[in-house]
Amino acid sequence: MPTAREIMTPDATCIGAKETVLDAAKKMTELGVGALPICGADERLKGMLTDRDIVVKVLGSGKDPARVKAGDLAQGEVVTIGADDDAEEILRTMSRHRVRRLPVIDGHVLVGIVAQADVARALPDPKVGDLIESIST
């Protein structure tokens, strides 16, 4: 069974908690991604910011993305996976928390992101189907 480290997309780029949502949107565009980890000044993970968060929580609410800080959208405890956790644990964690992306940490250091697409490439079809069903319902 592959580990998170083996199937993750490495070198995840953070958006700083004090950077604006507009900065985050520009960074997402440059990188071609739909989500960014939010990191604090202490380099610790504070949350995840998605393109949907920007649309619904900022634009849809009439807020100015140039004034809203990325850290303002970090909510609750961040769901992560350890770099050496196996694919079964990735499936369980994604299903339990109904998330499509998991930041991968080694100790307290962010080392990558495991996305639903990474899991789909690495695992047999039935397990992927079960994951998609559990996240989508």
Protein backbone atom coordinates (compact mmCIF):
# COMPACT_ATOMS: atom_id res chain seq x y z
CA MET A 1 0.00 0.00 0.00
CA PRO A 2 1.57 3.34 -1.03
CA THR A 3 2.16 6.09 1.50
CA ALA A 4 1.07 9.72 1.35
CA ARG A 5 4.65 10.72 0.58
CA GLU A 6 4.64 8.42 -2.46
CA ILE A 7 1.41 9.71 -4.01
CA MET A 8 1.29 13.35 -2.89
CA THR A 9 2.01 16.40 -4.98
CA PRO A 10 5.18 17.69 -3.30
CA ASP A 11 6.26 21.25 -2.56
CA ALA A 12 2.88 22.70 -1.66
CA THR A 13 2.91 26.48 -1.85
CA CYS A 14 1.34 28.28 1.11
CA ILE A 15 -0.54 31.53 1.21
CA GLY A 16 0.40 33.51 4.30
CA ALA A 17 -2.36 34.03 6.84
CA LYS A 18 -1.82 37.81 6.59
CA GLU A 19 -1.89 37.87 2.78
CA THR A 20 -5.12 38.90 1.10
CA VAL A 21 -7.62 36.65 -0.58
CA LEU A 22 -6.86 38.55 -3.80
CA ASP A 23 -3.20 37.53 -3.44
CA ALA A 24 -4.36 33.94 -2.91
CA ALA A 25 -6.54 34.03 -6.03
CA LYS A 26 -3.61 35.32 -8.09
CA LYS A 27 -1.34 32.62 -6.67
CA MET A 28 -3.94 29.92 -7.44
CA THR A 29 -4.13 31.21 -11.01
CA GLU A 30 -0.33 31.23 -11.43
CA LEU A 31 -0.02 27.71 -10.03
CA GLY A 32 -3.11 26.30 -11.74
CA VAL A 33 -4.55 24.99 -8.46
CA GLY A 34 -7.91 25.25 -6.74
CA ALA A 35 -6.68 25.31 -3.15
CA LEU A 36 -3.78 26.60 -1.10
CA PRO A 37 -2.67 25.78 2.42
CA ILE A 38 -2.79 28.78 4.76
CA CYS A 39 0.42 29.09 6.78
CA GLY A 40 1.12 31.39 9.72
CA ALA A 41 4.26 33.38 10.41
CA ASP A 42 5.41 30.37 12.47
CA GLU A 43 5.30 28.24 9.28
CA ARG A 44 2.56 26.10 10.80
CA LEU A 45 -0.50 25.11 8.84
CA LYS A 46 -3.56 27.19 9.78
CA GLY A 47 -6.07 25.92 7.25
CA MET A 48 -6.90 25.41 3.60
CA LEU A 49 -8.27 28.06 1.27
CA THR A 50 -10.21 26.90 -1.78
CA ASP A 51 -11.43 28.72 -4.84
CA ARG A 52 -14.94 27.93 -3.63
CA ASP A 53 -14.19 29.68 -0.30
CA ILE A 54 -13.20 32.79 -2.23
CA VAL A 55 -16.36 32.77 -4.31
CA VAL A 56 -18.85 31.90 -1.58
CA LYS A 57 -17.39 33.48 1.57
CA VAL A 58 -15.86 36.59 0.02
CA LEU A 59 -17.28 37.52 -3.38
CA GLY A 60 -20.75 36.08 -2.76
CA SER A 61 -20.94 37.94 0.54
CA GLY A 62 -19.97 41.25 -1.07
CA LYS A 63 -16.60 41.45 0.67
CA ASP A 64 -13.51 42.98 -0.93
CA PRO A 65 -10.93 40.26 -1.69
CA ALA A 66 -8.19 42.89 -1.47
CA ARG A 67 -9.09 43.50 2.19
CA VAL A 68 -9.99 40.03 3.49
CA LYS A 69 -6.99 38.12 4.85
CA ALA A 70 -6.53 34.45 3.97
CA GLY A 71 -6.20 33.65 7.67
CA ASP A 72 -9.69 35.04 8.27
CA LEU A 73 -11.04 32.08 6.30
CA ALA A 74 -9.10 29.40 8.21
CA GLN A 75 -11.69 27.55 10.25
CA GLY A 76 -11.31 25.06 13.07
CA GLU A 77 -8.68 22.39 13.22
CA VAL A 78 -6.92 21.49 9.98
CA VAL A 79 -7.38 17.93 8.78
CA THR A 80 -3.97 16.53 7.74
CA ILE A 81 -2.28 13.25 6.97
CA GLY A 82 1.18 12.13 8.01
CA ALA A 83 3.74 11.67 5.23
CA ASP A 84 4.25 8.02 6.15
CA ASP A 85 0.56 7.17 6.58
CA ASP A 86 -0.65 4.60 4.08
CA ALA A 87 -3.32 4.93 1.43
CA GLU A 88 -5.93 3.21 3.63
CA GLU A 89 -5.50 5.98 6.21
CA ILE A 90 -5.77 8.59 3.45
CA LEU A 91 -9.06 7.03 2.32
CA ARG A 92 -10.41 6.86 5.86
CA THR A 93 -9.44 10.46 6.62
CA MET A 94 -10.84 11.89 3.38
CA SER A 95 -14.07 9.93 3.81
CA ARG A 96 -14.50 10.73 7.50
CA HIS A 97 -13.96 14.46 7.02
CA ARG A 98 -15.47 14.63 3.52
CA VAL A 99 -12.50 16.49 2.03
CA ARG A 100 -10.99 16.26 -1.44
CA ARG A 101 -7.49 17.44 -0.45
CA LEU A 102 -5.29 16.64 2.52
CA PRO A 103 -2.18 18.57 3.49
CA VAL A 104 0.66 16.12 4.10
CA ILE A 105 2.87 16.87 7.08
CA ASP A 106 6.13 15.46 8.32
CA GLY A 107 6.24 16.42 11.98
CA HIS A 108 4.83 19.94 11.77
CA VAL A 109 6.28 20.72 8.34
CA LEU A 110 4.03 20.81 5.29
CA VAL A 111 5.61 18.61 2.62
CA GLY A 112 2.81 18.24 0.07
CA ILE A 113 -0.86 17.76 -0.70
CA VAL A 114 -2.75 14.55 -1.47
CA ALA A 115 -5.71 15.30 -3.70
CA GLN A 116 -8.55 13.03 -4.71
CA ALA A 117 -6.91 12.78 -8.17
CA ASP A 118 -3.65 11.53 -6.60
CA VAL A 119 -5.59 8.79 -4.82
CA ALA A 120 -7.41 7.89 -8.04
CA ARG A 121 -4.09 7.38 -9.85
CA ALA A 122 -2.57 5.31 -7.06
CA LEU A 123 -5.34 2.95 -5.98
CA PRO A 124 -7.63 0.34 -7.55
CA ASP A 125 -10.93 1.58 -8.99
CA PRO A 126 -13.30 0.13 -6.34
CA LYS A 127 -11.57 1.97 -3.49
CA VAL A 128 -11.56 5.21 -5.46
CA GLY A 129 -15.24 4.80 -6.24
CA ASP A 130 -16.02 4.32 -2.56
CA LEU A 131 -14.04 7.46 -1.71
CA ILE A 132 -15.80 9.59 -4.30
CA GLU A 133 -19.17 8.35 -3.14
CA SER A 134 -18.43 9.10 0.52
CA ILE A 135 -17.15 12.62 -0.22
CA SER A 136 -19.93 13.50 -2.65
CA THR A 137 -22.95 12.42 -0.58
